[in-house]
Amino acid sequence: MKTWLLFLASATLWAQNPVSFDRLLSADKEPQNWLTYSGGFSSLRHSPLKQITPENVKNLELQWVYQAKSLEKFEATALVVDGVLYTVQAPNDVIAMDAVTGRIFWIYSYTPDPDARPCCGRINRGLAILGDTLYMAAIDAHLIAIDARNGRPLWNTTVAKAASGYALTVAPLIVKDKVIVGTAGGEYGIRGFIAAYDAKTGKEVWRFYTVAGPGDPGASTWAGDSWKTGGGSVWVTGSYDPSQNLTYWGIGNPGPDWDGDPRPGDNLYTDSVVALNADTGKLSWYYQFSPHDEFDYDAVQVPVLVDMDWKDNKGVTKPRKMMFWANRNGLFYALDRSTGEFLMGKPFVEVNWMNGFDEKGRPMRVPGKVPTTAGTLIAPGNQGGTNWYSPSYSPGTGLFYIPSWVNYKSIYVKTPEEYQEGRQYGGGFPRSPVPFTRSPQNYRKEEEGYGAVLAIDPKTGEKKWEFKMTDVTDAGILTTASNVLFSGGREGYFFALDARTGAPLWKAAVGGAVASGPMSYSVNGKQYVAVAAGNSLFTFALKE
């Protein structure tokens, strides 16, 4: 395995203030920067910047474009620190650029091990920064530290074995002096885990297995040795609550994906959110969204943390530390993030696999709604009502925004198979209920589902508005303090909506699908909005 450096400008960037952990804790006080994957530890995906407004957003124009050398999917959300933009072009090239002009300062190019075989594209979702060091999780399950000033590698730690199907596609999370990542590879029968590494040395500090094994709490939810190939991958960045020193992560589906017969039980902690002590990795609590999942409903969505007054089912209102979660299984959840208590769950798209919750918040399954050898129609379909793409919460509107697939269904087919190390271990497949051959006269796009931005009231689960697209979406959402919402979709447009009403305000053709989370920053008082689309990074600002 080789690494190399390509210098395209001065050998060292101008001096920046090191990004201390205190700066990360107070990211909302630096609206000119974007210091973490989700903009801050609460993962609101909300910018306090106000220069771009519903009235002037129509005047946005392209400032610069970076065209990646790779034709791989470009899913990274960039970081911006004091006028320098850092991003990752797939699969694992780190780039430092002038955030105003797009001028490249340096590129650190990493060649992953040929054994790397992530299931769903050779992609990377972004970086983390602490001090003067950037951290990248590579698709061959290596965690790499890079000097942010000049692009020189500092250390390289092997997290897991790529040949067994392990990969890292997550943007790391910094907590204190640790770098936290989770392993992807659930489609290969891995045993997933979340691990923390010393930020200075790369040495592992703690590890939490997302599939409970012998001696672990929850081990009885796996029959026999099924835990050894239980999946439980992690491929979206978690959140952190400093007041409780808890970090929250969403866990992926069990393996095999669509055949639950080899793994009787609830299969903890797959399809769950886990709350871990950030110093030790010890489990504080968990909530399982989809027990014994057979629909590939990875619960890897971003946990959004909000402090607010909450009225319970007895009508008593009191301050709560809330967690809001739009799940791939089609349901929106409100949880108490201190205890994991289930407070509310409501569908935001069509759901036919469950029909309510018991008093403990466990979903009640509809009889017969399981994969079969003949196939069973399930809503939402295999990609879910939403997926890994980031939602947003706006403190200004009080609304929660979900990038959604509406009216989307799949026929789930079970085909039992034996586990073989390094090979995909699916146990079946989903297929579209819409015939592949159809006449233009009777074809309706709605039969396959459509992409939408949904705005819901998180206190009630009630939908406030819907912005419908003509194709599905893989794009995240950004809201701003001036009530502008940015997102995109597979149509190849990047667009702005009024966050209060969903009214379209502006759009730009970006020549490729948007499959990333937009972000915003400012330099010298000028606000920019950046998004990756196709294989390029586009940056917009208001006309002078």
Protein backbone atom coordinates (compact mmCIF):
# COMPACT_ATOMS: atom_id res chain seq x y z
CA MET A 1 0.00 0.00 0.00
CA LYS A 2 1.41 3.39 -0.96
CA THR A 3 0.73 6.97 -0.04
CA TRP A 4 2.06 10.05 -1.71
CA LEU A 5 1.81 13.82 -1.64
CA LEU A 6 1.15 16.15 -4.54
CA PHE A 7 1.93 19.80 -3.76
CA LEU A 8 0.16 22.30 -5.99
CA ALA A 9 0.94 25.49 -4.08
CA SER A 10 3.03 26.64 -1.17
CA ALA A 11 4.35 23.85 1.01
CA THR A 12 2.58 25.07 4.13
CA LEU A 13 -0.69 26.95 4.61
CA TRP A 14 -0.67 30.24 6.40
CA ALA A 15 -0.97 29.99 10.12
CA GLN A 16 -4.43 29.13 11.44
CA ASN A 17 -5.65 29.03 14.98
CA PRO A 18 -5.58 25.33 15.91
CA VAL A 19 -9.06 23.84 16.14
CA SER A 20 -9.22 23.02 19.82
CA PHE A 21 -11.93 20.81 21.29
CA ASP A 22 -13.35 23.94 22.93
CA ARG A 23 -13.82 25.43 19.46
CA LEU A 24 -15.65 22.30 18.35
CA LEU A 25 -17.89 22.51 21.41
CA SER A 26 -18.74 26.11 20.49
CA ALA A 27 -19.04 25.66 16.73
CA ASP A 28 -22.27 27.68 16.67
CA LYS A 29 -20.26 30.71 17.82
CA GLU A 30 -18.15 30.48 14.64
CA PRO A 31 -20.79 30.68 11.89
CA GLN A 32 -18.08 31.64 9.41
CA ASN A 33 -16.64 28.12 9.75
CA TRP A 34 -18.00 24.59 9.30
CA LEU A 35 -15.99 22.56 11.79
CA THR A 36 -17.67 19.13 11.86
CA TYR A 37 -19.49 16.84 9.45
CA SER A 38 -22.93 18.00 10.65
CA GLY A 39 -21.91 21.56 11.54
CA GLY A 40 -21.81 20.89 15.29
CA PHE A 41 -22.10 18.10 17.83
CA SER A 42 -25.92 18.35 17.94
CA SER A 43 -26.07 17.60 14.17
CA LEU A 44 -28.71 20.22 13.38
CA ARG A 45 -27.25 20.94 9.91
CA HIS A 46 -28.25 24.54 10.57
CA SER A 47 -26.14 27.61 9.80
CA PRO A 48 -26.50 30.81 11.85
CA LEU A 49 -25.52 32.85 8.77
CA LYS A 50 -28.14 35.33 7.49
CA GLN A 51 -26.68 37.14 4.48
CA ILE A 52 -28.51 34.91 1.99
CA THR A 53 -32.24 35.46 2.52
CA PRO A 54 -35.51 34.35 0.90
CA GLU A 55 -35.61 37.74 -0.81
CA ASN A 56 -32.10 37.75 -2.33
CA VAL A 57 -31.35 34.05 -2.78
CA LYS A 58 -32.41 34.41 -6.42
CA ASN A 59 -29.19 36.37 -6.90
CA LEU A 60 -26.92 33.45 -6.07
CA GLU A 61 -24.30 32.75 -8.70
CA LEU A 62 -21.54 30.22 -9.09
CA GLN A 63 -18.21 31.32 -7.62
CA TRP A 64 -16.01 28.35 -8.40
CA VAL A 65 -16.08 24.61 -9.19
CA TYR A 66 -13.65 21.87 -8.30
CA GLN A 67 -13.88 18.91 -10.66
CA ALA A 68 -12.63 15.72 -9.04
CA LYS A 69 -10.25 13.46 -10.91
CA SER A 70 -12.37 10.45 -10.00
CA LEU A 71 -15.72 9.43 -11.46
CA GLU A 72 -16.71 7.87 -8.15
CA LYS A 73 -19.64 9.28 -6.19
CA PHE A 74 -18.80 12.55 -4.40
CA GLU A 75 -20.62 12.29 -1.05
CA ALA A 76 -18.32 14.27 1.24
CA THR A 77 -19.40 17.33 3.20
CA ALA A 78 -16.52 19.81 3.30
CA LEU A 79 -15.02 21.43 6.39
CA VAL A 80 -14.07 25.11 6.40
CA VAL A 81 -11.58 26.50 8.92
CA ASP A 82 -10.60 30.17 8.78
CA GLY A 83 -10.87 30.48 5.02
CA VAL A 84 -9.48 27.04 4.10
CA LEU A 85 -11.80 24.36 2.76
CA TYR A 86 -10.94 20.69 3.29
CA THR A 87 -12.72 17.85 1.51
CA VAL A 88 -12.27 14.31 0.21
CA GLN A 89 -12.58 13.28 -3.41
CA ALA A 90 -13.41 9.61 -3.74
CA PRO A 91 -12.14 7.28 -2.78
CA ASN A 92 -9.58 8.77 -0.37
CA ASP A 93 -7.83 11.93 -1.59
CA VAL A 94 -7.79 14.81 0.89
CA ILE A 95 -7.72 18.30 -0.62
CA ALA A 96 -7.04 21.70 0.95
CA MET A 97 -8.38 24.69 -1.02
CA ASP A 98 -8.87 28.40 -0.75
CA ALA A 99 -12.52 28.69 0.29
CA VAL A 100 -12.91 31.92 -1.73
CA THR A 101 -11.32 30.96 -5.05
CA GLY A 102 -11.06 27.17 -5.07
CA ARG A 103 -7.28 27.39 -5.51
CA ILE A 104 -5.69 24.12 -4.39
CA PHE A 105 -3.02 24.29 -1.70
CA TRP A 106 -2.22 20.60 -1.42
CA ILE A 107 -3.59 17.11 -2.10
CA TYR A 108 -2.86 14.07 0.03
CA SER A 109 -3.55 11.01 -2.13
CA TYR A 110 -4.07 7.63 -0.50
CA THR A 111 -4.30 4.33 -2.41
CA PRO A 112 -6.56 1.89 -0.55
CA ASP A 113 -5.73 -1.78 -0.31
CA PRO A 114 -7.10 -3.68 -3.36
CA ASP A 115 -8.99 -5.92 -0.91
CA ALA A 116 -11.29 -2.98 -0.08
CA ARG A 117 -14.79 -3.78 -1.33
CA PRO A 118 -17.41 -1.45 0.15
CA CYS A 119 -20.85 -2.59 -0.89
CA CYS A 120 -22.21 0.66 -2.23
CA GLY A 121 -19.46 2.65 -3.91
CA ARG A 122 -15.88 3.68 -3.17
CA ILE A 123 -16.93 6.76 -1.26
CA ASN A 124 -16.03 8.92 1.70
CA ARG A 125 -18.36 11.25 3.59
CA GLY A 126 -15.82 13.69 4.99
CA LEU A 127 -13.16 14.59 7.51
CA ALA A 128 -12.70 15.58 11.13
CA ILE A 129 -10.22 18.11 12.48
CA LEU A 130 -8.56 18.64 15.87
CA GLY A 131 -5.69 21.02 16.45
CA ASP A 132 -3.70 21.10 13.20
CA THR A 133 -4.61 17.53 12.27
CA LEU A 134 -7.19 16.16 9.85
CA TYR A 135 -8.57 12.64 10.22
CA MET A 136 -9.82 10.49 7.34
CA ALA A 137 -11.46 7.05 7.48
CA ALA A 138 -10.48 5.08 4.36
CA ILE A 139 -12.44 2.44 2.49
CA ASP A 140 -9.82 -0.23 3.34
CA ALA A 141 -10.68 0.22 7.05
CA HIS A 142 -7.66 2.40 7.85
CA LEU A 143 -7.83 5.59 9.95
CA ILE A 144 -5.30 8.20 8.85
CA ALA A 145 -4.07 11.42 10.47
CA ILE A 146 -2.84 14.21 8.17
CA ASP A 147 -1.16 17.52 8.93
CA ALA A 148 -3.73 20.16 7.95
CA ARG A 149 -1.00 22.70 7.19
CA ASN A 150 0.84 20.75 4.50
CA GLY A 151 -0.92 17.44 3.82
CA ARG A 152 1.77 15.21 5.29
CA PRO A 153 0.56 11.92 6.81
CA LEU A 154 1.20 11.61 10.55
CA TRP A 155 -0.03 8.11 11.38
CA ASN A 156 -2.02 5.29 9.79
CA THR A 157 -3.94 2.77 11.91
CA THR A 158 -5.55 -0.44 10.66
CA VAL A 159 -9.04 -0.55 12.17
CA ALA A 160 -10.24 -3.85 10.62
CA LYS A 161 -9.53 -6.38 7.89
CA ALA A 162 -10.61 -5.17 4.46
CA ALA A 163 -10.48 -8.67 2.96
CA SER A 164 -13.28 -9.73 5.33
CA GLY A 165 -15.54 -6.98 4.01
CA TYR A 166 -14.80 -4.27 6.56
CA ALA A 167 -14.64 -0.68 5.31
CA LEU A 168 -14.75 2.87 6.65
CA THR A 169 -16.90 5.40 4.82
CA VAL A 170 -17.92 7.55 7.79
CA ALA A 171 -16.64 11.02 8.59
CA PRO A 172 -14.88 10.62 11.97
CA LEU A 173 -16.20 12.30 15.12
CA ILE A 174 -13.84 14.10 17.52
CA VAL A 175 -14.64 13.92 21.23
CA LYS A 176 -12.03 15.43 23.55
CA ASP A 177 -8.74 13.74 22.62
CA LYS A 178 -10.32 10.84 20.73
CA VAL A 179 -11.29 10.08 17.13
CA ILE A 180 -14.38 7.88 16.87
CA VAL A 181 -15.34 5.82 13.81
CA GLY A 182 -17.60 2.88 12.99
CA THR A 183 -17.11 0.03 10.53
CA ALA A 184 -19.15 -0.48 7.38
CA GLY A 185 -19.55 -3.89 5.72
CA GLY A 186 -22.82 -5.32 7.03
CA GLU A 187 -23.55 -6.86 3.62
CA TYR A 188 -20.48 -9.07 4.04
CA GLY A 189 -21.39 -10.68 7.35
CA ILE A 190 -18.97 -8.68 9.47
CA ARG A 191 -19.37 -8.14 13.21
CA GLY A 192 -19.59 -4.37 13.33
CA PHE A 193 -18.13 -2.08 15.96
CA ILE A 194 -17.57 1.53 16.98
CA ALA A 195 -14.09 2.38 18.23
CA ALA A 196 -12.23 5.39 19.63
CA TYR A 197 -8.57 6.14 18.87
CA ASP A 198 -6.08 8.44 20.54
CA ALA A 199 -5.91 11.55 18.36
CA LYS A 200 -2.13 11.92 18.76
CA THR A 201 -1.02 8.31 18.33
CA GLY A 202 -3.79 6.42 16.56
CA LYS A 203 -3.88 3.76 19.27
CA GLU A 204 -7.25 2.21 20.07
CA VAL A 205 -8.73 3.43 23.37
CA TRP A 206 -12.05 1.56 23.45
CA ARG A 207 -14.27 -0.59 21.27
CA PHE A 208 -18.01 -1.25 21.38
CA TYR A 209 -19.34 -4.17 19.34
CA THR A 210 -22.62 -3.36 17.64
CA VAL A 211 -23.47 -7.08 17.53
CA ALA A 212 -23.78 -8.49 21.05
CA GLY A 213 -21.66 -11.60 21.59
CA PRO A 214 -21.27 -14.09 24.44
CA GLY A 215 -21.11 -12.31 27.77
CA ASP A 216 -22.50 -9.04 26.39
CA PRO A 217 -25.89 -7.62 27.35
CA GLY A 218 -28.21 -8.57 24.52
CA ALA A 219 -26.32 -11.75 23.57
CA SER A 220 -29.52 -13.79 23.95
CA THR A 221 -31.02 -11.91 20.98
CA TRP A 222 -28.78 -13.94 18.66
CA ALA A 223 -29.26 -17.69 18.23
CA GLY A 224 -26.23 -19.97 18.17
CA ASP A 225 -23.22 -18.45 16.43
CA SER A 226 -25.25 -16.06 14.27
CA TRP A 227 -23.67 -13.10 16.11
CA LYS A 228 -20.35 -13.85 14.40
CA THR A 229 -21.78 -12.71 11.05
CA GLY A 230 -24.38 -10.34 12.47
CA GLY A 231 -23.59 -7.20 10.46
CA GLY A 232 -24.41 -4.07 12.45
CA SER A 233 -22.41 -1.68 10.28
CA VAL A 234 -21.92 2.04 10.94
CA TRP A 235 -21.51 4.41 8.03
CA VAL A 236 -22.90 7.77 9.11
CA THR A 237 -21.36 10.07 11.73
CA GLY A 238 -22.84 10.16 15.21
CA SER A 239 -23.59 13.06 17.57
CA TYR A 240 -22.32 14.10 21.00
CA ASP A 241 -23.91 15.64 24.09
CA PRO A 242 -21.16 17.23 26.24
CA SER A 243 -23.53 17.82 29.16
CA GLN A 244 -23.87 14.04 29.59
CA ASN A 245 -20.65 12.97 27.90
CA LEU A 246 -22.67 10.62 25.69
CA THR A 247 -22.09 9.96 22.01
CA TYR A 248 -24.95 8.59 19.92
CA TRP A 249 -24.59 6.36 16.86
CA GLY A 250 -27.02 4.67 14.51
CA ILE A 251 -26.42 0.99 13.77
CA GLY A 252 -27.08 -0.81 10.49
CA ASN A 253 -29.00 -3.94 9.60
CA PRO A 254 -28.30 -7.53 10.71
CA GLY A 255 -26.87 -10.12 8.34
CA PRO A 256 -28.01 -11.76 6.24
CA ASP A 257 -30.08 -8.79 5.16
CA TRP A 258 -33.30 -10.33 3.87
CA ASP A 259 -33.35 -13.80 5.43
CA GLY A 260 -33.89 -13.72 9.18
CA ASP A 261 -34.14 -17.50 9.63
CA PRO A 262 -30.43 -18.04 10.52
CA ARG A 263 -30.60 -15.37 13.24
CA PRO A 264 -33.78 -15.76 15.38
CA GLY A 265 -34.29 -12.99 17.93
CA ASP A 266 -34.20 -9.21 18.01
CA ASN A 267 -30.55 -9.12 16.92
CA LEU A 268 -29.22 -6.35 19.16
CA TYR A 269 -27.85 -3.79 18.57
CA THR A 270 -28.66 -3.73 14.90
CA ASP A 271 -31.22 -1.17 13.70
CA SER A 272 -30.73 0.70 16.96
CA VAL A 273 -29.36 3.94 18.34
CA VAL A 274 -26.77 3.37 21.04
CA ALA A 275 -25.71 5.93 23.64
CA LEU A 276 -22.09 5.38 24.69
CA ASN A 277 -19.93 6.97 27.35
CA ALA A 278 -17.44 8.93 25.25
CA ASP A 279 -14.52 8.17 27.60
CA THR A 280 -15.00 4.41 27.92
CA GLY A 281 -17.35 3.25 25.17
CA LYS A 282 -19.64 1.69 27.78
CA LEU A 283 -23.28 1.40 26.75
CA SER A 284 -25.57 3.80 28.61
CA TRP A 285 -28.80 2.93 26.80
CA TYR A 286 -30.16 1.81 23.44
CA TYR A 287 -33.42 1.92 21.51
CA GLN A 288 -34.11 -0.54 18.71
CA PHE A 289 -36.17 0.88 15.87
CA SER A 290 -36.68 -2.34 13.87
CA PRO A 291 -36.24 -5.56 15.90
CA HIS A 292 -35.25 -8.60 13.82
CA ASP A 293 -34.99 -6.50 10.67
CA GLU A 294 -35.50 -8.36 7.37
CA PHE A 295 -35.93 -5.26 5.19
CA ASP A 296 -32.39 -3.80 5.25
CA TYR A 297 -33.68 -0.86 7.31
CA ASP A 298 -30.28 0.34 8.54
CA ALA A 299 -30.74 2.79 11.41
CA VAL A 300 -27.65 4.72 10.39
CA GLN A 301 -29.40 8.06 10.12
CA VAL A 302 -28.05 11.12 11.93
CA PRO A 303 -29.29 11.61 15.53
CA VAL A 304 -30.41 15.23 15.93
CA LEU A 305 -30.14 16.63 19.47
CA VAL A 306 -32.46 19.42 20.64
CA ASP A 307 -33.23 20.85 24.10
CA MET A 308 -36.88 21.88 24.37
CA ASP A 309 -40.06 21.75 26.41
CA TRP A 310 -41.92 18.50 25.76
CA LYS A 311 -45.50 17.58 26.63
CA ASP A 312 -45.81 13.93 27.66
CA ASN A 313 -48.79 11.64 27.14
CA LYS A 314 -50.19 12.81 30.51
CA GLY A 315 -50.21 16.40 29.35
CA VAL A 316 -47.30 17.46 31.55
CA THR A 317 -44.81 19.83 29.90
CA LYS A 318 -41.23 19.98 31.11
CA PRO A 319 -37.76 20.62 29.69
CA ARG A 320 -36.26 17.57 27.98
CA LYS A 321 -33.04 16.66 26.27
CA MET A 322 -34.55 15.34 23.05
CA MET A 323 -33.32 13.22 20.18
CA PHE A 324 -35.18 13.47 16.88
CA TRP A 325 -34.72 10.72 14.32
CA ALA A 326 -36.14 10.18 10.83
CA ASN A 327 -35.61 6.46 10.31
CA ARG A 328 -35.16 4.47 7.13
CA ASN A 329 -38.08 2.30 8.25
CA GLY A 330 -40.44 5.19 7.45
CA LEU A 331 -41.05 6.43 10.99
CA PHE A 332 -40.15 9.67 12.76
CA TYR A 333 -39.13 9.25 16.40
CA ALA A 334 -38.76 11.45 19.44
CA LEU A 335 -36.64 9.96 22.24
CA ASP A 336 -35.36 11.24 25.55
CA ARG A 337 -31.61 11.25 24.92
CA SER A 338 -30.76 11.03 28.62
CA THR A 339 -32.56 7.72 29.13
CA GLY A 340 -33.56 6.40 25.71
CA GLU A 341 -37.23 6.63 26.67
CA PHE A 342 -39.56 6.31 23.68
CA LEU A 343 -41.77 9.41 23.50
CA MET A 344 -43.29 9.33 20.03
CA GLY A 345 -43.16 7.45 16.73
CA LYS A 346 -45.18 8.37 13.63
CA PRO A 347 -44.93 7.46 9.94
CA PHE A 348 -43.75 10.22 7.62
CA VAL A 349 -44.26 8.04 4.50
CA GLU A 350 -46.44 5.02 3.80
CA VAL A 351 -45.64 2.15 6.19
CA ASN A 352 -47.25 -1.31 6.00
CA TRP A 353 -44.82 -3.52 7.96
CA MET A 354 -46.07 -2.33 11.39
CA ASN A 355 -49.29 -0.82 12.71
CA GLY A 356 -48.40 0.93 15.95
CA PHE A 357 -46.30 0.62 19.11
CA ASP A 358 -46.77 -1.20 22.37
CA GLU A 359 -46.52 0.70 25.66
CA LYS A 360 -42.73 0.31 25.71
CA GLY A 361 -42.29 1.73 22.23
CA ARG A 362 -41.73 -1.55 20.43
CA PRO A 363 -43.20 -1.64 16.92
CA MET A 364 -46.06 -4.08 16.41
CA ARG A 365 -45.43 -6.14 13.28
CA VAL A 366 -48.15 -6.84 10.74
CA PRO A 367 -48.52 -10.63 10.32
CA GLY A 368 -47.25 -11.93 7.00
CA LYS A 369 -45.21 -8.84 6.17
CA VAL A 370 -41.88 -10.66 5.82
CA PRO A 371 -39.71 -11.60 2.84
CA THR A 372 -40.74 -14.87 1.17
CA THR A 373 -39.43 -16.97 -1.68
CA ALA A 374 -42.31 -15.68 -3.80
CA GLY A 375 -41.84 -12.07 -2.71
CA THR A 376 -43.76 -9.73 -0.40
CA LEU A 377 -44.69 -6.10 -1.10
CA ILE A 378 -43.39 -3.84 1.69
CA ALA A 379 -43.60 -0.10 2.25
CA PRO A 380 -41.30 1.69 2.48
CA GLY A 381 -39.03 -0.09 0.02
CA ASN A 382 -35.45 -1.18 0.39
CA GLN A 383 -33.98 2.34 0.28
CA GLY A 384 -36.42 3.35 2.99
CA GLY A 385 -38.48 6.45 3.62
CA THR A 386 -35.13 8.19 4.04
CA ASN A 387 -31.57 6.90 4.26
CA TRP A 388 -28.10 8.14 5.23
CA TYR A 389 -28.60 11.67 3.86
CA SER A 390 -28.74 14.29 6.59
CA PRO A 391 -31.93 15.90 7.90
CA SER A 392 -31.97 19.36 9.46
CA TYR A 393 -33.63 21.07 12.39
CA SER A 394 -34.17 24.82 12.40
CA PRO A 395 -34.44 26.53 15.79
CA GLY A 396 -36.04 29.45 13.95
CA THR A 397 -38.99 27.58 12.46
CA GLY A 398 -39.06 24.77 15.01
CA LEU A 399 -39.46 22.33 12.11
CA PHE A 400 -37.60 19.11 11.31
CA TYR A 401 -36.76 18.58 7.63
CA ILE A 402 -36.46 15.11 6.10
CA PRO A 403 -35.05 14.21 2.67
CA SER A 404 -37.56 11.50 1.76
CA TRP A 405 -38.59 8.84 -0.74
CA VAL A 406 -42.41 8.96 -0.88
CA ASN A 407 -44.71 6.18 -2.17
CA TYR A 408 -41.67 3.93 -2.52
CA LYS A 409 -42.13 0.16 -2.17
CA SER A 410 -40.16 -3.02 -2.81
CA ILE A 411 -40.97 -6.68 -3.28
CA TYR A 412 -38.73 -8.57 -0.84
CA VAL A 413 -37.56 -12.00 -1.94
CA LYS A 414 -35.83 -14.46 0.41
CA THR A 415 -33.13 -16.73 -1.05
CA PRO A 416 -31.20 -18.55 1.73
CA GLU A 417 -27.43 -18.74 1.31
CA GLU A 418 -24.34 -19.83 3.23
CA TYR A 419 -21.87 -17.36 4.67
CA GLN A 420 -18.45 -17.14 2.98
CA GLU A 421 -15.85 -14.71 4.30
CA GLY A 422 -15.35 -11.69 2.06
CA ARG A 423 -18.47 -12.35 -0.04
CA GLN A 424 -21.79 -10.53 0.19
CA TYR A 425 -24.21 -12.26 2.53
CA GLY A 426 -27.66 -10.96 1.65
CA GLY A 427 -30.00 -13.92 1.81
CA GLY A 428 -32.28 -12.50 -0.85
CA PHE A 429 -32.96 -9.32 -2.76
CA PRO A 430 -35.50 -6.53 -3.20
CA ARG A 431 -37.05 -5.72 -6.55
CA SER A 432 -39.29 -3.00 -7.85
CA PRO A 433 -43.04 -3.68 -8.02
CA VAL A 434 -43.17 -1.67 -11.25
CA PRO A 435 -42.63 -3.71 -14.46
CA PHE A 436 -39.46 -2.93 -16.37
CA THR A 437 -41.35 -2.80 -19.68
CA ARG A 438 -44.29 -0.45 -19.84
CA SER A 439 -45.86 1.81 -22.41
CA PRO A 440 -45.43 5.57 -22.04
CA GLN A 441 -49.19 5.89 -22.03
CA ASN A 442 -49.71 4.05 -18.74
CA TYR A 443 -46.44 4.79 -16.95
CA ARG A 444 -46.65 7.01 -13.87
CA LYS A 445 -43.49 8.02 -12.03
CA GLU A 446 -45.40 7.97 -8.76
CA GLU A 447 -45.56 4.17 -9.04
CA GLU A 448 -41.83 4.07 -8.30
CA GLY A 449 -41.94 6.78 -5.65
CA TYR A 450 -40.53 10.27 -5.73
CA GLY A 451 -38.10 12.40 -3.80
CA ALA A 452 -39.35 15.10 -1.47
CA VAL A 453 -38.29 17.47 1.24
CA LEU A 454 -40.75 17.01 4.09
CA ALA A 455 -41.16 19.53 6.91
CA ILE A 456 -42.72 18.15 10.07
CA ASP A 457 -43.51 19.48 13.50
CA PRO A 458 -41.28 17.32 15.74
CA LYS A 459 -43.59 17.87 18.72
CA THR A 460 -46.51 16.16 16.97
CA GLY A 461 -45.09 14.35 13.93
CA GLU A 462 -47.55 16.34 11.77
CA LYS A 463 -46.44 17.17 8.23
CA LYS A 464 -46.42 20.92 7.59
CA TRP A 465 -45.41 20.95 3.94
CA GLU A 466 -43.90 18.84 1.16
CA PHE A 467 -41.67 19.88 -1.73
CA LYS A 468 -41.99 17.22 -4.42
CA MET A 469 -39.26 16.37 -6.92
CA THR A 470 -39.56 14.52 -10.22
CA ASP A 471 -36.95 11.96 -9.18
CA VAL A 472 -35.79 10.44 -5.91
CA THR A 473 -33.17 12.11 -3.74
CA ASP A 474 -29.90 11.21 -2.01
CA ALA A 475 -29.18 14.77 -0.86
CA GLY A 476 -28.91 16.12 2.64
CA ILE A 477 -30.56 19.32 3.86
CA LEU A 478 -29.13 22.59 5.18
CA THR A 479 -31.20 25.29 6.87
CA THR A 480 -30.07 28.79 7.76
CA ALA A 481 -31.04 31.43 10.32
CA SER A 482 -32.63 33.49 7.53
CA ASN A 483 -35.14 30.68 6.79
CA VAL A 484 -33.51 29.48 3.57
CA LEU A 485 -33.32 25.72 3.05
CA PHE A 486 -30.86 24.15 0.59
CA SER A 487 -31.02 20.64 -0.85
CA GLY A 488 -30.94 18.74 -4.14
CA GLY A 489 -31.68 15.40 -5.75
CA ARG A 490 -30.98 13.02 -8.58
CA GLU A 491 -32.54 15.46 -11.03
CA GLY A 492 -29.25 17.33 -11.12
CA TYR A 493 -30.47 20.51 -9.46
CA PHE A 494 -29.29 22.30 -6.35
CA PHE A 495 -32.14 24.38 -5.00
CA ALA A 496 -33.32 26.72 -2.26
CA LEU A 497 -36.71 26.67 -0.56
CA ASP A 498 -38.42 28.89 1.96
CA ALA A 499 -37.98 26.88 5.17
CA ARG A 500 -41.28 28.20 6.52
CA THR A 501 -43.50 27.24 3.61
CA GLY A 502 -41.55 25.02 1.20
CA ALA A 503 -41.97 27.55 -1.60
CA PRO A 504 -39.21 27.22 -4.25
CA LEU A 505 -36.92 30.24 -4.36
CA TRP A 506 -33.97 29.34 -6.62
CA LYS A 507 -32.31 26.46 -8.40
CA ALA A 508 -29.15 25.79 -10.37
CA ALA A 509 -28.31 22.93 -12.71
CA VAL A 510 -25.19 21.17 -11.41
CA GLY A 511 -24.93 18.50 -14.10
CA GLY A 512 -25.11 15.50 -11.77
CA ALA A 513 -27.00 14.01 -8.88
CA VAL A 514 -26.61 15.70 -5.51
CA ALA A 515 -25.63 12.95 -3.06
CA SER A 516 -24.11 14.98 -0.25
CA GLY A 517 -24.99 17.41 2.50
CA PRO A 518 -24.77 21.14 1.67
CA MET A 519 -22.89 23.42 4.05
CA SER A 520 -22.37 27.16 4.43
CA TYR A 521 -19.51 29.41 5.57
CA SER A 522 -18.30 32.97 5.17
CA VAL A 523 -14.99 34.67 4.45
CA ASN A 524 -14.47 38.42 4.91
CA GLY A 525 -18.19 38.87 5.54
CA LYS A 526 -19.34 37.08 2.37
CA GLN A 527 -21.54 34.00 2.77
CA TYR A 528 -20.96 30.94 0.58
CA VAL A 529 -22.94 27.72 0.12
CA ALA A 530 -21.12 24.62 -1.11
CA VAL A 531 -22.37 21.23 -2.25
CA ALA A 532 -20.89 18.18 -3.98
CA ALA A 533 -22.81 16.99 -7.04
CA GLY A 534 -21.84 14.41 -9.60
CA ASN A 535 -18.05 14.40 -9.34
CA SER A 536 -17.61 18.11 -8.64
CA LEU A 537 -17.79 20.57 -5.76
CA PHE A 538 -19.85 23.71 -6.46
CA THR A 539 -19.64 26.92 -4.44
CA PHE A 540 -22.22 29.72 -4.69
CA ALA A 541 -22.52 33.26 -3.29
CA LEU A 542 -24.58 36.39 -3.95
CA LYS A 543 -23.69 38.59 -6.90
CA GLU A 544 -21.47 41.53 -6.03
